[in-house]
Amino acid sequence: MSDAAVVSLRAPLFATRYPPTDPPAADNDDGGGEEKLSVNLIARARRALARRMKNTGWNKTVVTNRALILLDEAESAVEDGGRVLILDKYGQTRQLFVL
């Protein structure tokens, strides 16, 4: 499992690489802070958003930010030759394929 990225969904998403309060700036980040985003969600994404909000108490902004960060971490791991593995509550491991 040495080539797998491990990200805890319960811990801050930056915990694997960065302090939670100090994420790195993107190459094209103007340092201006927040950015507004308007999206049209497909049905599956809308249900996932509603489920995350209900189960966690997070608002749309928090869920969206965490989802984007998690996707970026997963894609970065795969681009670096790693794998993304999910360990379920029974100890079974599944590989997540990022397309």
Foldseek 3Di string as FASTA:
>chain_A
DVLEQDADPVDQRCVSPDPNVDDDADPPRPPPPDDDDDDDDDPVVVVVQVVCCVVPVDDSVVVVVSVVSVLVVQVVSVVVVGWYWDQDPVRDIDTDDDD
